[in-house]
C-alpha atoms as a PDB file:
ATOM      1  CA  MET A   1      61.216 -18.537  51.693  1.00  0.00           C
ATOM      2  CA  ASN A   2      57.860 -19.211  52.677  1.00  0.00           C
ATOM      3  CA  SER A   3      56.875 -20.341  56.283  1.00  0.00           C
ATOM      4  CA  ARG A   4      54.124 -22.471  54.972  1.00  0.00           C
ATOM      5  CA  ARG A   5      56.281 -24.358  52.778  1.00  0.00           C
ATOM      6  CA  THR A   6      58.958 -24.571  55.621  1.00  0.00           C
ATOM      7  CA  LEU A   7      56.293 -25.993  57.972  1.00  0.00           C
ATOM      8  CA  ALA A   8      54.989 -28.491  55.373  1.00  0.00           C
ATOM      9  CA  THR A   9      58.499 -29.721  54.777  1.00  0.00           C
ATOM     10  CA  ALA A  10      59.091 -30.320  58.258  1.00  0.00           C
ATOM     11  CA  ALA A  11      55.767 -32.125  58.671  1.00  0.00           C
ATOM     12  CA  ARG A  12      56.818 -34.384  55.701  1.00  0.00           C
ATOM     13  CA  ILE A  13      60.170 -35.268  57.312  1.00  0.00           C
ATOM     14  CA  LEU A  14      58.615 -35.938  60.816  1.00  0.00           C
ATOM     15  CA  SER A  15      55.918 -38.060  59.244  1.00  0.00           C
ATOM     16  CA  GLN A  16      58.799 -40.127  57.388  1.00  0.00           C
ATOM     17  CA  VAL A  17      60.689 -40.359  60.654  1.00  0.00           C
ATOM     18  CA  ARG A  18      57.618 -41.639  62.601  1.00  0.00           C
ATOM     19  CA  HIS A  19      57.261 -44.694  60.048  1.00  0.00           C
ATOM     20  CA  ASP A  20      60.886 -45.507  60.535  1.00  0.00           C
ATOM     21  CA  PRO A  21      61.160 -47.391  64.080  1.00  0.00           C
ATOM     22  CA  ARG A  22      65.110 -47.752  63.409  1.00  0.00           C
ATOM     23  CA  THR A  23      65.508 -44.328  62.874  1.00  0.00           C
ATOM     24  CA  ILE A  24      63.508 -43.288  65.997  1.00  0.00           C
ATOM     25  CA  VAL A  25      65.652 -45.583  68.018  1.00  0.00           C
ATOM     26  CA  LEU A  26      68.803 -44.448  66.658  1.00  0.00           C
ATOM     27  CA  LEU A  27      67.761 -40.811  67.341  1.00  0.00           C
ATOM     28  CA  LEU A  28      65.970 -40.974  70.736  1.00  0.00           C
ATOM     29  CA  VAL A  29      67.536 -44.276  72.283  1.00  0.00           C
ATOM     30  CA  VAL A  30      70.944 -44.802  71.096  1.00  0.00           C
ATOM     31  CA  PRO A  31      72.519 -41.664  72.476  1.00  0.00           C
ATOM     32  CA  SER A  32      71.160 -42.381  76.093  1.00  0.00           C
ATOM     33  CA  LEU A  33      72.310 -46.107  76.022  1.00  0.00           C
ATOM     34  CA  LEU A  34      75.729 -44.873  75.002  1.00  0.00           C
ATOM     35  CA  ILE A  35      75.791 -42.276  77.853  1.00  0.00           C
ATOM     36  CA  GLY A  36      74.699 -45.169  80.205  1.00  0.00           C
ATOM     37  CA  LEU A  37      77.530 -47.385  78.964  1.00  0.00           C
ATOM     38  CA  VAL A  38      79.966 -44.640  79.868  1.00  0.00           C
ATOM     39  CA  ALA A  39      78.493 -44.130  83.398  1.00  0.00           C
ATOM     40  CA  TRP A  40      78.744 -48.160  83.718  1.00  0.00           C
ATOM     41  CA  ILE A  41      82.502 -47.885  82.754  1.00  0.00           C
ATOM     42  CA  PHE A  42      83.131 -45.490  85.507  1.00  0.00           C
ATOM     43  CA  SER A  43      80.483 -46.849  88.196  1.00  0.00           C
ATOM     44  CA  ASP A  44      83.391 -47.549  90.619  1.00  0.00           C
ATOM     45  CA  THR A  45      84.857 -43.845  90.314  1.00  0.00           C
ATOM     46  CA  THR A  46      83.563 -40.423  90.425  1.00  0.00           C
ATOM     47  CA  SER A  47      84.825 -39.760  86.885  1.00  0.00           C
ATOM     48  CA  PHE A  48      81.557 -39.860  85.395  1.00  0.00           C
ATOM     49  CA  SER A  49      80.546 -36.524  86.870  1.00  0.00           C
ATOM     50  CA  THR A  50      83.398 -35.064  84.918  1.00  0.00           C
ATOM     51  CA  VAL A  51      82.938 -36.621  81.559  1.00  0.00           C
ATOM     52  CA  GLY A  52      79.188 -36.980  81.576  1.00  0.00           C
ATOM     53  CA  PRO A  53      78.362 -33.516  80.359  1.00  0.00           C
ATOM     54  CA  ALA A  54      80.875 -34.088  77.357  1.00  0.00           C
ATOM     55  CA  MET A  55      78.970 -37.345  76.673  1.00  0.00           C
ATOM     56  CA  ILE A  56      75.658 -35.345  76.618  1.00  0.00           C
ATOM     57  CA  ALA A  57      77.364 -33.059  73.882  1.00  0.00           C
ATOM     58  CA  LEU A  58      79.107 -35.998  71.993  1.00  0.00           C
ATOM     59  CA  PHE A  59      76.748 -38.660  71.136  1.00  0.00           C
ATOM     60  CA  PRO A  60      73.424 -36.590  70.212  1.00  0.00           C
ATOM     61  CA  PHE A  61      75.867 -34.395  68.071  1.00  0.00           C
ATOM     62  CA  ILE A  62      77.207 -37.493  66.134  1.00  0.00           C
ATOM     63  CA  VAL A  63      73.845 -39.163  65.535  1.00  0.00           C
ATOM     64  CA  MET A  64      72.107 -35.993  64.606  1.00  0.00           C
ATOM     65  CA  PHE A  65      74.962 -35.368  62.092  1.00  0.00           C
ATOM     66  CA  LEU A  66      74.751 -38.707  60.533  1.00  0.00           C
ATOM     67  CA  VAL A  67      70.990 -39.196  60.413  1.00  0.00           C
ATOM     68  CA  THR A  68      70.570 -35.529  59.090  1.00  0.00           C
ATOM     69  CA  SER A  69      73.289 -35.871  56.305  1.00  0.00           C
ATOM     70  CA  ILE A  70      72.259 -39.330  55.130  1.00  0.00           C
ATOM     71  CA  THR A  71      68.544 -38.689  55.129  1.00  0.00           C
ATOM     72  CA  THR A  72      69.098 -35.237  53.250  1.00  0.00           C
ATOM     73  CA  LEU A  73      71.381 -36.852  50.575  1.00  0.00           C
ATOM     74  CA  ARG A  74      68.928 -39.754  49.899  1.00  0.00           C
ATOM     75  CA  GLU A  75      66.388 -37.044  48.992  1.00  0.00           C
ATOM     76  CA  ARG A  76      68.625 -35.719  46.375  1.00  0.00           C
ATOM     77  CA  ARG A  77      69.825 -39.148  44.994  1.00  0.00           C
ATOM     78  CA  THR A  78      66.287 -40.546  44.636  1.00  0.00           C
ATOM     79  CA  GLY A  79      65.230 -37.449  42.664  1.00  0.00           C
ATOM     80  CA  THR A  80      62.972 -36.343  45.465  1.00  0.00           C
ATOM     81  CA  LEU A  81      64.543 -33.021  46.073  1.00  0.00           C
ATOM     82  CA  GLU A  82      64.576 -32.290  42.200  1.00  0.00           C
ATOM     83  CA  ARG A  83      60.783 -32.848  42.101  1.00  0.00           C
ATOM     84  CA  LEU A  84      60.016 -30.691  45.192  1.00  0.00           C
ATOM     85  CA  LEU A  85      62.296 -27.965  43.838  1.00  0.00           C
ATOM     86  CA  SER A  86      60.452 -27.954  40.548  1.00  0.00           C
ATOM     87  CA  MET A  87      57.485 -26.623  42.766  1.00  0.00           C
ATOM     88  CA  PRO A  88      57.435 -23.343  44.562  1.00  0.00           C
ATOM     89  CA  LEU A  89      59.422 -24.904  47.399  1.00  0.00           C
ATOM     90  CA  GLY A  90      62.859 -23.083  47.468  1.00  0.00           C
ATOM     91  CA  LYS A  91      66.228 -24.267  48.770  1.00  0.00           C
ATOM     92  CA  GLY A  92      65.873 -22.292  51.971  1.00  0.00           C
ATOM     93  CA  ASP A  93      62.520 -23.710  52.514  1.00  0.00           C
ATOM     94  CA  PHE A  94      63.885 -27.227  52.281  1.00  0.00           C
ATOM     95  CA  ILE A  95      66.937 -26.654  54.617  1.00  0.00           C
ATOM     96  CA  LEU A  96      64.817 -24.775  57.224  1.00  0.00           C
ATOM     97  CA  GLY A  97      62.230 -27.367  57.047  1.00  0.00           C
ATOM     98  CA  TYR A  98      64.791 -30.076  57.694  1.00  0.00           C
ATOM     99  CA  THR A  99      66.249 -27.952  60.622  1.00  0.00           C
ATOM    100  CA  LEU A 100      62.994 -27.382  62.148  1.00  0.00           C
ATOM    101  CA  ALA A 101      62.068 -31.013  61.996  1.00  0.00           C
ATOM    102  CA  PHE A 102      65.301 -32.502  63.337  1.00  0.00           C
ATOM    103  CA  GLY A 103      65.387 -29.455  65.957  1.00  0.00           C
ATOM    104  CA  LEU A 104      62.093 -30.810  67.265  1.00  0.00           C
ATOM    105  CA  LEU A 105      63.634 -34.242  67.399  1.00  0.00           C
ATOM    106  CA  ALA A 106      66.629 -32.910  69.116  1.00  0.00           C
ATOM    107  CA  VAL A 107      64.568 -31.384  71.813  1.00  0.00           C
ATOM    108  CA  VAL A 108      63.127 -34.781  72.706  1.00  0.00           C
ATOM    109  CA  GLN A 109      66.391 -36.675  72.074  1.00  0.00           C
ATOM    110  CA  SER A 110      68.040 -34.266  74.482  1.00  0.00           C
ATOM    111  CA  ALA A 111      65.475 -34.209  77.060  1.00  0.00           C
ATOM    112  CA  ILE A 112      65.719 -38.102  77.273  1.00  0.00           C
ATOM    113  CA  ALA A 113      69.425 -37.983  77.403  1.00  0.00           C
ATOM    114  CA  VAL A 114      69.815 -35.303  80.066  1.00  0.00           C
ATOM    115  CA  GLY A 115      67.092 -36.924  82.151  1.00  0.00           C
ATOM    116  CA  TYR A 116      68.656 -40.407  81.760  1.00  0.00           C
ATOM    117  CA  SER A 117      72.072 -38.995  82.591  1.00  0.00           C
ATOM    118  CA  VAL A 118      70.877 -37.230  85.880  1.00  0.00           C
ATOM    119  CA  TRP A 119      68.181 -39.456  87.256  1.00  0.00           C
ATOM    120  CA  VAL A 120      69.261 -43.013  85.990  1.00  0.00           C
ATOM    121  CA  CYS A 121      72.899 -42.575  85.624  1.00  0.00           C
ATOM    122  CA  GLY A 122      73.608 -40.187  88.795  1.00  0.00           C
ATOM    123  CA  LEU A 123      75.171 -37.236  86.900  1.00  0.00           C
ATOM    124  CA  THR A 124      75.653 -34.573  89.425  1.00  0.00           C
ATOM    125  CA  ILE A 125      74.402 -31.146  88.147  1.00  0.00           C
ATOM    126  CA  SER A 126      75.210 -28.202  90.396  1.00  0.00           C
ATOM    127  CA  GLY A 127      73.805 -25.870  88.121  1.00  0.00           C
ATOM    128  CA  SER A 128      70.096 -25.479  86.461  1.00  0.00           C
ATOM    129  CA  ILE A 129      69.093 -28.465  84.651  1.00  0.00           C
ATOM    130  CA  TRP A 130      66.815 -26.366  82.394  1.00  0.00           C
ATOM    131  CA  LEU A 131      69.884 -24.453  81.291  1.00  0.00           C
ATOM    132  CA  LEU A 132      71.726 -27.890  80.662  1.00  0.00           C
ATOM    133  CA  LEU A 133      68.793 -29.163  78.593  1.00  0.00           C
ATOM    134  CA  ALA A 134      69.143 -25.695  76.455  1.00  0.00           C
ATOM    135  CA  VAL A 135      72.760 -26.193  75.678  1.00  0.00           C
ATOM    136  CA  ALA A 136      72.195 -29.896  74.949  1.00  0.00           C
ATOM    137  CA  VAL A 137      69.438 -29.007  72.345  1.00  0.00           C
ATOM    138  CA  ALA A 138      71.524 -26.500  70.762  1.00  0.00           C
ATOM    139  CA  ASP A 139      74.400 -28.872  70.497  1.00  0.00           C
ATOM    140  CA  ALA A 140      72.008 -31.444  68.876  1.00  0.00           C
ATOM    141  CA  VAL A 141      70.838 -28.965  66.450  1.00  0.00           C
ATOM    142  CA  LEU A 142      74.435 -28.035  65.725  1.00  0.00           C
ATOM    143  CA  GLY A 143      74.801 -31.701  64.714  1.00  0.00           C
ATOM    144  CA  THR A 144      71.804 -31.310  62.416  1.00  0.00           C
ATOM    145  CA  ALA A 145      73.087 -28.147  60.719  1.00  0.00           C
ATOM    146  CA  LEU A 146      76.466 -29.577  59.780  1.00  0.00           C
ATOM    147  CA  GLY A 147      74.898 -32.623  58.773  1.00  0.00           C
ATOM    148  CA  LEU A 148      72.881 -30.741  56.252  1.00  0.00           C
ATOM    149  CA  LEU A 149      75.989 -28.916  55.301  1.00  0.00           C
ATOM    150  CA  ALA A 150      77.917 -32.122  54.646  1.00  0.00           C
ATOM    151  CA  SER A 151      75.164 -33.627  52.596  1.00  0.00           C
ATOM    152  CA  ALA A 152      75.381 -30.729  50.277  1.00  0.00           C
ATOM    153  CA  PHE A 153      78.768 -31.825  49.360  1.00  0.00           C
ATOM    154  CA  ALA A 154      78.304 -35.622  49.302  1.00  0.00           C
ATOM    155  CA  ASN A 155      77.488 -37.633  46.358  1.00  0.00           C
ATOM    156  CA  THR A 156      77.008 -40.982  48.319  1.00  0.00           C
ATOM    157  CA  GLU A 157      76.369 -42.237  51.863  1.00  0.00           C
ATOM    158  CA  PHE A 158      79.768 -43.462  52.045  1.00  0.00           C
ATOM    159  CA  GLN A 159      81.194 -39.971  51.017  1.00  0.00           C
ATOM    160  CA  VAL A 160      78.920 -38.653  54.153  1.00  0.00           C
ATOM    161  CA  VAL A 161      80.590 -41.171  56.412  1.00  0.00           C
ATOM    162  CA  GLN A 162      84.189 -39.897  55.200  1.00  0.00           C
ATOM    163  CA  PHE A 163      83.135 -36.489  56.276  1.00  0.00           C
ATOM    164  CA  MET A 164      83.178 -37.704  59.766  1.00  0.00           C
ATOM    165  CA  PRO A 165      86.955 -37.903  60.129  1.00  0.00           C
ATOM    166  CA  ALA A 166      87.153 -34.378  58.462  1.00  0.00           C
ATOM    167  CA  ILE A 167      84.395 -32.629  60.491  1.00  0.00           C
ATOM    168  CA  VAL A 168      83.571 -34.522  63.694  1.00  0.00           C
ATOM    169  CA  PHE A 169      86.446 -36.279  64.878  1.00  0.00           C
ATOM    170  CA  PRO A 170      88.983 -33.346  65.173  1.00  0.00           C
ATOM    171  CA  GLN A 171      86.163 -31.603  67.144  1.00  0.00           C
ATOM    172  CA  ILE A 172      86.082 -34.591  69.418  1.00  0.00           C
ATOM    173  CA  LEU A 173      89.908 -34.906  69.831  1.00  0.00           C
ATOM    174  CA  LEU A 174      90.151 -30.985  70.565  1.00  0.00           C
ATOM    175  CA  GLY A 175      87.014 -30.458  72.520  1.00  0.00           C
ATOM    176  CA  GLY A 176      88.466 -31.181  76.011  1.00  0.00           C
ATOM    177  CA  ILE A 177      87.107 -34.600  76.280  1.00  0.00           C
ATOM    178  CA  PHE A 178      90.481 -36.382  76.531  1.00  0.00           C
ATOM    179  CA  LEU A 179      92.519 -33.436  77.737  1.00  0.00           C
ATOM    180  CA  PRO A 180      91.371 -29.882  79.266  1.00  0.00           C
ATOM    181  CA  ARG A 181      91.504 -27.540  76.498  1.00  0.00           C
ATOM    182  CA  ASP A 182      93.542 -25.235  78.469  1.00  0.00           C
ATOM    183  CA  GLN A 183      96.320 -27.895  78.590  1.00  0.00           C
ATOM    184  CA  LEU A 184      96.532 -28.358  74.625  1.00  0.00           C
ATOM    185  CA  PRO A 185      99.543 -27.150  72.760  1.00  0.00           C
ATOM    186  CA  ASN A 186      99.179 -23.533  72.031  1.00  0.00           C
ATOM    187  CA  GLY A 187      98.498 -24.174  68.185  1.00  0.00           C
ATOM    188  CA  LEU A 188      95.868 -26.954  69.111  1.00  0.00           C
ATOM    189  CA  GLN A 189      94.363 -24.887  71.670  1.00  0.00           C
ATOM    190  CA  GLN A 190      93.691 -21.777  69.222  1.00  0.00           C
ATOM    191  CA  ILE A 191      92.107 -24.076  66.758  1.00  0.00           C
ATOM    192  CA  SER A 192      89.899 -25.698  69.525  1.00  0.00           C
ATOM    193  CA  ASP A 193      88.672 -22.268  70.190  1.00  0.00           C
ATOM    194  CA  TRP A 194      87.222 -22.013  66.494  1.00  0.00           C
ATOM    195  CA  LEU A 195      85.469 -25.378  66.919  1.00  0.00           C
ATOM    196  CA  PRO A 196      81.858 -25.316  67.981  1.00  0.00           C
ATOM    197  CA  LEU A 197      81.544 -28.578  69.679  1.00  0.00           C
ATOM    198  CA  SER A 198      84.416 -27.275  72.092  1.00  0.00           C
ATOM    199  CA  HIS A 199      81.994 -24.567  73.100  1.00  0.00           C
ATOM    200  CA  ALA A 200      79.109 -26.917  73.502  1.00  0.00           C
ATOM    201  CA  ILE A 201      81.191 -29.240  75.847  1.00  0.00           C
ATOM    202  CA  ASP A 202      82.388 -26.158  77.918  1.00  0.00           C
ATOM    203  CA  ALA A 203      79.099 -24.732  78.261  1.00  0.00           C
ATOM    204  CA  LEU A 204      77.732 -28.219  79.482  1.00  0.00           C
ATOM    205  CA  GLN A 205      80.441 -28.583  81.817  1.00  0.00           C
ATOM    206  CA  ALA A 206      80.224 -25.085  83.233  1.00  0.00           C
ATOM    207  CA  VAL A 207      76.359 -25.615  83.825  1.00  0.00           C
ATOM    208  CA  ALA A 208      77.170 -28.985  85.500  1.00  0.00           C
ATOM    209  CA  SER A 209      79.477 -27.586  87.791  1.00  0.00           C
ATOM    210  CA  ASN A 210      78.021 -24.288  88.215  1.00  0.00           C
ATOM    211  CA  SER A 211      81.425 -22.766  87.684  1.00  0.00           C
ATOM    212  CA  LYS A 212      80.380 -19.763  85.200  1.00  0.00           C
ATOM    213  CA  ASP A 213      77.656 -17.091  85.187  1.00  0.00           C
ATOM    214  CA  ALA A 214      74.830 -17.032  82.856  1.00  0.00           C
ATOM    215  CA  ALA A 215      76.546 -14.444  80.772  1.00  0.00           C
ATOM    216  CA  TYR A 216      79.400 -16.904  80.065  1.00  0.00           C
ATOM    217  CA  ILE A 217      76.966 -19.746  79.104  1.00  0.00           C
ATOM    218  CA  GLY A 218      74.633 -17.100  76.990  1.00  0.00           C
ATOM    219  CA  GLY A 219      77.938 -16.360  75.019  1.00  0.00           C
ATOM    220  CA  GLU A 220      78.772 -19.798  74.323  1.00  0.00           C
ATOM    221  CA  LEU A 221      75.276 -20.411  73.180  1.00  0.00           C
ATOM    222  CA  LEU A 222      75.525 -17.357  70.806  1.00  0.00           C
ATOM    223  CA  ILE A 223      78.715 -18.926  69.268  1.00  0.00           C
ATOM    224  CA  ILE A 224      76.846 -22.304  68.682  1.00  0.00           C
ATOM    225  CA  ALA A 225      73.982 -20.257  67.271  1.00  0.00           C
ATOM    226  CA  ALA A 226      76.244 -18.531  64.775  1.00  0.00           C
ATOM    227  CA  TRP A 227      77.675 -21.812  63.624  1.00  0.00           C
ATOM    228  CA  ILE A 228      74.079 -23.354  63.043  1.00  0.00           C
ATOM    229  CA  LEU A 229      73.004 -20.167  61.137  1.00  0.00           C
ATOM    230  CA  GLY A 230      76.138 -20.099  59.104  1.00  0.00           C
ATOM    231  CA  ALA A 231      75.912 -23.826  58.270  1.00  0.00           C
ATOM    232  CA  ILE A 232      72.294 -23.499  57.139  1.00  0.00           C
ATOM    233  CA  VAL A 233      72.996 -20.493  55.158  1.00  0.00           C
ATOM    234  CA  LEU A 234      76.077 -22.171  53.309  1.00  0.00           C
ATOM    235  CA  GLY A 235      73.912 -25.560  53.138  1.00  0.00           C
ATOM    236  CA  SER A 236      71.016 -23.452  51.175  1.00  0.00           C
ATOM    237  CA  VAL A 237      73.493 -21.912  48.771  1.00  0.00           C
ATOM    238  CA  THR A 238      75.413 -25.089  47.737  1.00  0.00           C
ATOM    239  CA  LEU A 239      72.485 -27.662  47.874  1.00  0.00           C
ATOM    240  CA  ARG A 240      72.340 -29.325  44.482  1.00  0.00           C
ATOM    241  CA  ARG A 241      69.190 -30.369  42.944  1.00  0.00           C
ATOM    242  CA  ARG A 242      70.272 -33.835  42.192  1.00  0.00           C
ATOM    243  CA  THR A 243      73.432 -35.928  42.514  1.00  0.00           C
ATOM    244  CA  PRO A 244      75.242 -36.459  39.244  1.00  0.00           C
END
C-alpha cells in the first residue's frame, strides 16, 4: 500500500461526492432530519433523552452503509475499479482511500447530527459532548467499513439492499433500542454482545447519561475499531476487480 495513492483515491471520491448534491443531502442532512422526526414524535414526553443516543448511532450507520456499498459496487460494475487496479493502485489503497474519504464525511455528518440533537432537539447530555462526537464518528465509520465489505460480495445494487436484513437489521433489533440488552433472552444477549452496533449504542448511551467511566467508553471504542479494521482487511482480500 502507498499513502500517496490512498490519498489520491480519497481525493477522487470526495470530488465525486462534491458534484453530487443528492448524495451530500443523504449523507449530511437526512440523518439529522430523521433524528429530528424521532424527537418530534416524543416531544410530549421525556423519552427522547433515552432513545436519542441510539438514534445518533442508528441513522448515520445505516446511511453510511448504503452510500458506501452502492458507490463502491458502482465503481466495479462500470469497470472503473478494473482500470484503476491495472495501474499501480492496489486493493488496499482503494479500500483505505474509500474509508478515508467517507471517514471525513462521517466526521462532518456526526458533528451535524450531534449538534442538531443537542442544540435543536434538546437531547440532554450529562457527559462530554466531544466524547459523544468521537463515538458517533466511530459508529459512522463502522457503517462505512461494513458497507465496503458488503460491496465486495454483491453483484448488483439490489443485492446490496438485500444485505440490509442480513447485516443491519439484526444489529438494530438486538442493539438495545427496543429492549435493554440485559433484558434480552440469554441466547440473544450473547449474540448481541458480538454485534458492533450494540457497543456503539452502549457507548453513546453511557456518555449521554455519564453512567460509565472513560475506561469503559475506551473499551467500547476499541471493539468498534477492531470491527472496522477487520471489515477493511476482509474487504481488501475479497474485493473483485469487476462484477461478472
